[in-house]
Every structure is written in C-alpha cells, then in structure tokens.
C-alpha atoms as a PDB file:
ATOM      1  CA  MET A   1     -98.786  98.740 -39.576  1.00  0.00           C
ATOM      2  CA  LYS A   2     -99.917 102.252 -38.653  1.00  0.00           C
ATOM      3  CA  ASN A   3     -97.350 103.967 -40.856  1.00  0.00           C
ATOM      4  CA  LYS A   4     -98.514 103.969 -44.472  1.00  0.00           C
ATOM      5  CA  THR A   5     -95.186 105.215 -45.847  1.00  0.00           C
ATOM      6  CA  LYS A   6     -94.534 103.826 -49.274  1.00  0.00           C
ATOM      7  CA  LYS A   7     -90.814 104.525 -49.267  1.00  0.00           C
ATOM      8  CA  ILE A   8     -88.203 103.900 -46.623  1.00  0.00           C
ATOM      9  CA  LEU A   9     -84.756 105.435 -46.998  1.00  0.00           C
ATOM     10  CA  LEU A  10     -81.769 104.233 -45.015  1.00  0.00           C
ATOM     11  CA  ILE A  11     -79.148 106.920 -44.532  1.00  0.00           C
ATOM     12  CA  GLY A  12     -75.919 107.064 -42.555  1.00  0.00           C
ATOM     13  CA  TYR A  13     -72.182 107.151 -42.895  1.00  0.00           C
ATOM     14  CA  ARG A  14     -70.189 104.404 -44.598  1.00  0.00           C
ATOM     15  CA  ALA A  15     -70.181 100.974 -42.979  1.00  0.00           C
ATOM     16  CA  THR A  16     -73.231 101.469 -40.783  1.00  0.00           C
ATOM     17  CA  GLY A  17     -75.064  98.547 -42.402  1.00  0.00           C
ATOM     18  CA  LYS A  18     -77.454 100.281 -44.803  1.00  0.00           C
ATOM     19  CA  THR A  19     -77.298  97.612 -47.523  1.00  0.00           C
ATOM     20  CA  ALA A  20     -77.440  94.578 -45.218  1.00  0.00           C
ATOM     21  CA  VAL A  21     -80.207  96.091 -43.103  1.00  0.00           C
ATOM     22  CA  GLY A  22     -82.061  97.260 -46.205  1.00  0.00           C
ATOM     23  CA  ARG A  23     -82.163  93.739 -47.615  1.00  0.00           C
ATOM     24  CA  GLU A  24     -83.446  92.354 -44.322  1.00  0.00           C
ATOM     25  CA  LEU A  25     -86.018  95.122 -43.843  1.00  0.00           C
ATOM     26  CA  SER A  26     -87.204  94.658 -47.410  1.00  0.00           C
ATOM     27  CA  ARG A  27     -87.755  90.966 -46.751  1.00  0.00           C
ATOM     28  CA  MET A  28     -89.597  91.665 -43.494  1.00  0.00           C
ATOM     29  CA  LEU A  29     -91.898  94.263 -45.034  1.00  0.00           C
ATOM     30  CA  GLY A  30     -92.384  92.519 -48.377  1.00  0.00           C
ATOM     31  CA  ARG A  31     -91.136  95.526 -50.322  1.00  0.00           C
ATOM     32  CA  PRO A  32     -88.581  95.690 -53.120  1.00  0.00           C
ATOM     33  CA  PHE A  33     -85.027  96.574 -52.091  1.00  0.00           C
ATOM     34  CA  ARG A  34     -82.965  99.153 -53.971  1.00  0.00           C
ATOM     35  CA  ASP A  35     -79.369 100.183 -53.358  1.00  0.00           C
ATOM     36  CA  LEU A  36     -78.622 103.660 -54.698  1.00  0.00           C
ATOM     37  CA  ASP A  37     -74.898 102.995 -55.119  1.00  0.00           C
ATOM     38  CA  HIS A  38     -75.624  99.858 -57.173  1.00  0.00           C
ATOM     39  CA  LEU A  39     -78.084 101.807 -59.332  1.00  0.00           C
ATOM     40  CA  ILE A  40     -75.383 104.431 -59.934  1.00  0.00           C
ATOM     41  CA  GLU A  41     -72.872 101.740 -60.914  1.00  0.00           C
ATOM     42  CA  LYS A  42     -75.388 100.122 -63.235  1.00  0.00           C
ATOM     43  CA  GLN A  43     -76.192 103.406 -64.958  1.00  0.00           C
ATOM     44  CA  ALA A  44     -72.522 104.382 -65.309  1.00  0.00           C
ATOM     45  CA  GLY A  45     -71.383 100.898 -66.307  1.00  0.00           C
ATOM     46  CA  LYS A  46     -68.515 100.984 -63.789  1.00  0.00           C
ATOM     47  CA  ASN A  47     -67.907 100.786 -60.062  1.00  0.00           C
ATOM     48  CA  ILE A  48     -67.881 103.840 -57.824  1.00  0.00           C
ATOM     49  CA  SER A  49     -64.093 104.005 -57.593  1.00  0.00           C
ATOM     50  CA  GLN A  50     -63.837 104.016 -61.396  1.00  0.00           C
ATOM     51  CA  ILE A  51     -66.460 106.762 -61.703  1.00  0.00           C
ATOM     52  CA  VAL A  52     -64.651 108.932 -59.156  1.00  0.00           C
ATOM     53  CA  GLU A  53     -61.178 108.212 -60.570  1.00  0.00           C
ATOM     54  CA  GLU A  54     -62.182 108.875 -64.193  1.00  0.00           C
ATOM     55  CA  GLN A  55     -64.818 111.596 -63.803  1.00  0.00           C
ATOM     56  CA  GLY A  56     -64.581 112.913 -60.242  1.00  0.00           C
ATOM     57  CA  TRP A  57     -66.922 113.204 -57.286  1.00  0.00           C
ATOM     58  CA  ASP A  58     -69.003 115.904 -59.016  1.00  0.00           C
ATOM     59  CA  THR A  59     -70.054 113.436 -61.732  1.00  0.00           C
ATOM     60  CA  PHE A  60     -70.860 110.787 -59.141  1.00  0.00           C
ATOM     61  CA  ARG A  61     -72.973 113.259 -57.137  1.00  0.00           C
ATOM     62  CA  HIS A  62     -74.768 114.380 -60.308  1.00  0.00           C
ATOM     63  CA  ILE A  63     -75.759 110.796 -61.175  1.00  0.00           C
ATOM     64  CA  GLU A  64     -76.748 110.187 -57.551  1.00  0.00           C
ATOM     65  CA  ARG A  65     -78.959 113.301 -57.470  1.00  0.00           C
ATOM     66  CA  LYS A  66     -80.704 112.408 -60.744  1.00  0.00           C
ATOM     67  CA  LEU A  67     -81.452 108.854 -59.579  1.00  0.00           C
ATOM     68  CA  LEU A  68     -82.672 110.173 -56.235  1.00  0.00           C
ATOM     69  CA  GLU A  69     -85.058 112.508 -58.060  1.00  0.00           C
ATOM     70  CA  GLU A  70     -86.370 109.604 -60.151  1.00  0.00           C
ATOM     71  CA  MET A  71     -86.903 107.476 -57.053  1.00  0.00           C
ATOM     72  CA  ALA A  72     -88.732 110.343 -55.342  1.00  0.00           C
ATOM     73  CA  GLN A  73     -91.174 110.478 -58.272  1.00  0.00           C
ATOM     74  CA  SER A  74     -91.831 106.740 -58.252  1.00  0.00           C
ATOM     75  CA  PRO A  75     -95.251 105.760 -56.897  1.00  0.00           C
ATOM     76  CA  LYS A  76     -93.883 102.371 -55.818  1.00  0.00           C
ATOM     77  CA  LYS A  77     -93.136 101.153 -52.305  1.00  0.00           C
ATOM     78  CA  PHE A  78     -89.492 100.239 -51.669  1.00  0.00           C
ATOM     79  CA  VAL A  79     -86.647 100.184 -49.183  1.00  0.00           C
ATOM     80  CA  LEU A  80     -83.714 102.258 -50.445  1.00  0.00           C
ATOM     81  CA  ALA A  81     -80.187 101.985 -49.053  1.00  0.00           C
ATOM     82  CA  CYS A  82     -78.511 105.308 -49.798  1.00  0.00           C
ATOM     83  CA  GLY A  83     -74.844 106.184 -50.002  1.00  0.00           C
ATOM     84  CA  GLY A  84     -73.355 108.086 -47.089  1.00  0.00           C
ATOM     85  CA  GLY A  85     -73.331 111.397 -48.957  1.00  0.00           C
ATOM     86  CA  VAL A  86     -76.957 111.364 -50.100  1.00  0.00           C
ATOM     87  CA  VAL A  87     -77.815 113.938 -47.421  1.00  0.00           C
ATOM     88  CA  LEU A  88     -75.749 116.477 -49.357  1.00  0.00           C
ATOM     89  CA  HIS A  89     -78.680 116.638 -51.804  1.00  0.00           C
ATOM     90  CA  GLU A  90     -80.763 118.671 -49.386  1.00  0.00           C
ATOM     91  CA  LYS A  91     -83.554 119.608 -51.791  1.00  0.00           C
ATOM     92  CA  GLN A  92     -84.192 115.976 -52.726  1.00  0.00           C
ATOM     93  CA  MET A  93     -83.908 114.856 -49.103  1.00  0.00           C
ATOM     94  CA  GLU A  94     -86.451 117.488 -48.032  1.00  0.00           C
ATOM     95  CA  HIS A  95     -88.855 116.052 -50.596  1.00  0.00           C
ATOM     96  CA  PHE A  96     -88.310 112.531 -49.247  1.00  0.00           C
ATOM     97  CA  ALA A  97     -88.715 113.766 -45.667  1.00  0.00           C
ATOM     98  CA  LYS A  98     -92.309 114.692 -46.544  1.00  0.00           C
ATOM     99  CA  SER A  99     -93.196 111.512 -48.410  1.00  0.00           C
ATOM    100  CA  ALA A 100     -91.034 108.744 -46.950  1.00  0.00           C
ATOM    101  CA  THR A 101     -89.684 107.423 -43.687  1.00  0.00           C
ATOM    102  CA  ILE A 102     -85.995 108.208 -43.350  1.00  0.00           C
ATOM    103  CA  VAL A 103     -83.967 105.995 -41.029  1.00  0.00           C
ATOM    104  CA  TRP A 104     -80.509 107.037 -39.893  1.00  0.00           C
ATOM    105  CA  LEU A 105     -78.247 104.074 -39.144  1.00  0.00           C
ATOM    106  CA  LYS A 106     -75.346 105.145 -37.001  1.00  0.00           C
ATOM    107  CA  ALA A 107     -72.399 103.665 -35.183  1.00  0.00           C
ATOM    108  CA  PRO A 108     -69.455 104.980 -33.179  1.00  0.00           C
ATOM    109  CA  LEU A 109     -66.518 106.207 -35.267  1.00  0.00           C
ATOM    110  CA  GLU A 110     -64.244 103.380 -34.131  1.00  0.00           C
ATOM    111  CA  VAL A 111     -66.868 100.792 -35.167  1.00  0.00           C
ATOM    112  CA  MET A 112     -67.199 102.348 -38.631  1.00  0.00           C
ATOM    113  CA  LEU A 113     -63.399 102.362 -38.981  1.00  0.00           C
ATOM    114  CA  LYS A 114     -63.142  98.697 -37.998  1.00  0.00           C
ATOM    115  CA  ARG A 115     -65.894  97.734 -40.456  1.00  0.00           C
ATOM    116  CA  LEU A 116     -64.353  99.753 -43.296  1.00  0.00           C
ATOM    117  CA  LEU A 117     -60.926  98.207 -42.770  1.00  0.00           C
ATOM    118  CA  SER A 118     -62.315  94.663 -42.650  1.00  0.00           C
ATOM    119  CA  ASP A 119     -64.584  94.987 -45.722  1.00  0.00           C
ATOM    120  CA  THR A 120     -62.863  93.700 -48.867  1.00  0.00           C
ATOM    121  CA  ASN A 121     -65.273  95.765 -51.014  1.00  0.00           C
ATOM    122  CA  THR A 122     -64.087  99.065 -49.545  1.00  0.00           C
ATOM    123  CA  PRO A 123     -61.441  99.821 -52.214  1.00  0.00           C
ATOM    124  CA  LYS A 124     -63.840  99.517 -55.183  1.00  0.00           C
ATOM    125  CA  SER A 125     -66.997 100.835 -53.553  1.00  0.00           C
ATOM    126  CA  ARG A 126     -65.699 103.478 -51.165  1.00  0.00           C
ATOM    127  CA  PRO A 127     -63.054 105.730 -52.689  1.00  0.00           C
ATOM    128  CA  SER A 128     -61.440 108.347 -50.486  1.00  0.00           C
ATOM    129  CA  LEU A 129     -63.492 111.481 -49.937  1.00  0.00           C
ATOM    130  CA  THR A 130     -60.609 113.646 -48.691  1.00  0.00           C
ATOM    131  CA  ASN A 131     -57.321 111.879 -49.552  1.00  0.00           C
ATOM    132  CA  LYS A 132     -56.566 111.855 -45.821  1.00  0.00           C
ATOM    133  CA  ASP A 133     -55.834 108.922 -43.542  1.00  0.00           C
ATOM    134  CA  ILE A 134     -59.026 106.838 -43.243  1.00  0.00           C
ATOM    135  CA  LYS A 135     -59.416 107.556 -39.515  1.00  0.00           C
ATOM    136  CA  GLU A 136     -59.064 111.308 -40.051  1.00  0.00           C
ATOM    137  CA  GLU A 137     -61.414 111.139 -43.031  1.00  0.00           C
ATOM    138  CA  ILE A 138     -64.122 109.412 -41.004  1.00  0.00           C
ATOM    139  CA  LYS A 139     -63.865 111.999 -38.231  1.00  0.00           C
ATOM    140  CA  GLN A 140     -63.955 114.946 -40.608  1.00  0.00           C
ATOM    141  CA  VAL A 141     -66.633 113.805 -43.044  1.00  0.00           C
ATOM    142  CA  TYR A 142     -68.903 112.233 -40.440  1.00  0.00           C
ATOM    143  CA  ASN A 143     -68.786 115.409 -38.344  1.00  0.00           C
ATOM    144  CA  GLU A 144     -69.595 117.500 -41.433  1.00  0.00           C
ATOM    145  CA  ARG A 145     -72.604 115.306 -42.301  1.00  0.00           C
ATOM    146  CA  LYS A 146     -73.893 114.512 -38.830  1.00  0.00           C
ATOM    147  CA  LYS A 147     -76.162 117.552 -38.654  1.00  0.00           C
ATOM    148  CA  LEU A 148     -77.728 116.554 -41.994  1.00  0.00           C
ATOM    149  CA  TYR A 149     -78.340 112.979 -40.848  1.00  0.00           C
ATOM    150  CA  GLU A 150     -80.021 114.390 -37.736  1.00  0.00           C
ATOM    151  CA  LYS A 151     -82.046 116.892 -39.761  1.00  0.00           C
ATOM    152  CA  PHE A 152     -83.588 114.353 -42.109  1.00  0.00           C
ATOM    153  CA  ALA A 153     -83.982 111.291 -39.880  1.00  0.00           C
ATOM    154  CA  HIS A 154     -87.414 110.304 -38.616  1.00  0.00           C
ATOM    155  CA  ILE A 155     -85.951 107.251 -36.887  1.00  0.00           C
ATOM    156  CA  THR A 156     -82.396 106.784 -35.567  1.00  0.00           C
ATOM    157  CA  VAL A 157     -80.950 103.345 -34.869  1.00  0.00           C
ATOM    158  CA  ASP A 158     -77.536 102.573 -33.414  1.00  0.00           C
ATOM    159  CA  THR A 159     -76.090  99.582 -35.292  1.00  0.00           C
ATOM    160  CA  GLU A 160     -73.249  98.719 -32.924  1.00  0.00           C
ATOM    161  CA  ASP A 161     -73.298  95.097 -31.755  1.00  0.00           C
ATOM    162  CA  LYS A 162     -76.546  94.308 -33.599  1.00  0.00           C
ATOM    163  CA  SER A 163     -77.181  92.018 -36.540  1.00  0.00           C
ATOM    164  CA  PRO A 164     -78.933  93.303 -39.674  1.00  0.00           C
ATOM    165  CA  PHE A 165     -81.945  91.227 -38.589  1.00  0.00           C
ATOM    166  CA  GLN A 166     -82.064  92.890 -35.151  1.00  0.00           C
ATOM    167  CA  ILE A 167     -81.744  96.354 -36.667  1.00  0.00           C
ATOM    168  CA  ALA A 168     -84.465  95.639 -39.237  1.00  0.00           C
ATOM    169  CA  GLN A 169     -86.726  94.384 -36.431  1.00  0.00           C
ATOM    170  CA  GLU A 170     -86.118  97.597 -34.504  1.00  0.00           C
ATOM    171  CA  ILE A 171     -87.036  99.681 -37.554  1.00  0.00           C
ATOM    172  CA  SER A 172     -90.090  97.545 -38.255  1.00  0.00           C
ATOM    173  CA  GLU A 173     -91.303  98.057 -34.682  1.00  0.00           C
ATOM    174  CA  ALA A 174     -90.797 101.813 -34.951  1.00  0.00           C
ATOM    175  CA  LEU A 175     -92.803 101.833 -38.190  1.00  0.00           C
ATOM    176  CA  LYS A 176     -95.663  99.930 -36.531  1.00  0.00           C
ATOM    177  CA  TYR A 177     -95.983 102.594 -33.903  1.00  0.00           C
ATOM    178  CA  GLY A 178     -95.830 105.476 -36.349  1.00  0.00           C
ATOM    179  CA  TRP A 179     -92.335 106.505 -35.214  1.00  0.00           C
END
C-alpha cells in the first residue's frame, strides 16, 4: 500500500453506508473500526435521540467535537465512521485532512431517503435535524453540508447500487494508488 495514512475517516450524509463500509474496510485493512456515533452514545450513556431530546443538538455536537479531538490525537491506526454532521467541526476536520485519508460516501437524495425510511434504527439513531418532513430535511441539510463534504474529501465514492464490500474494495484500491 503506497498510502501510509494511519487514520481513515468516512464522512457523508445519513444512510450512505459509513458504518457498514467502515466495518468492511477495517476488516480488509486489518485496522480497528470505530463508529463516532457509538462512542458518543457510550460516553453519554444514552442513544442519540435521547441526548438530543434531553440536552439538545448543541450538547451532542460538543461531545462529538471532543471525541473527534481525542481521536485526532491518537497515534493509532483506525477506520472511523463519522456522523453526517462531523464536517461542521471545521477546525478538527482540517486537522484530520492533514493527517488522515478522508473518504466521502455519497448517494443520490432519493437513495438516502429510501434507506432512511427502511432502516428500523432511524428513530433512535437519527433524530430530526430541522423538524421538517424527512424529504425536505434531506434536501436542505445535505445541500448545506455538501460543500463541506467536498472540501474535506480526499476520495469520493458513490454508494448507490453497491454493497459495503464493493465500496470498501473501491476505497482500498484508491488507497493503494495514493488517491
């Protein structure tokens, strides 16, 4: 592997496959897998919906930022699946952009909507960001974040009609050739 990156971050909007692909990529590369949302839940002792309902999005983002800072300082190699809003922490993402490979997983809006509606974990792990209809929320929030995903991504992979294994293979190949 030409690329000596110790850390690989998977970014992208909700339901683009970051966790599933992260697990597969971790297995392929022989690196530990971390899921930032699960680390947040573990630290808070409750699921994301409970954190947001009881303490608000600001508290969630604060915990997320602190954990991201800790992970940035870690000397260990890992694959990290990040929540969709991680790019809002621009200072921390700029640090990772210098010391890690950042992979943006994307999909068309209608594919993300279909995946969100069919995922039984959505209610507890993906609380509303805007209190709007889910379709309108996806359009609005994705369009607000798209420029940040583009800014930080070293590699971009479309996840539509691909299995987590296929996507992980695509990322692995890009890493071999130094993206």
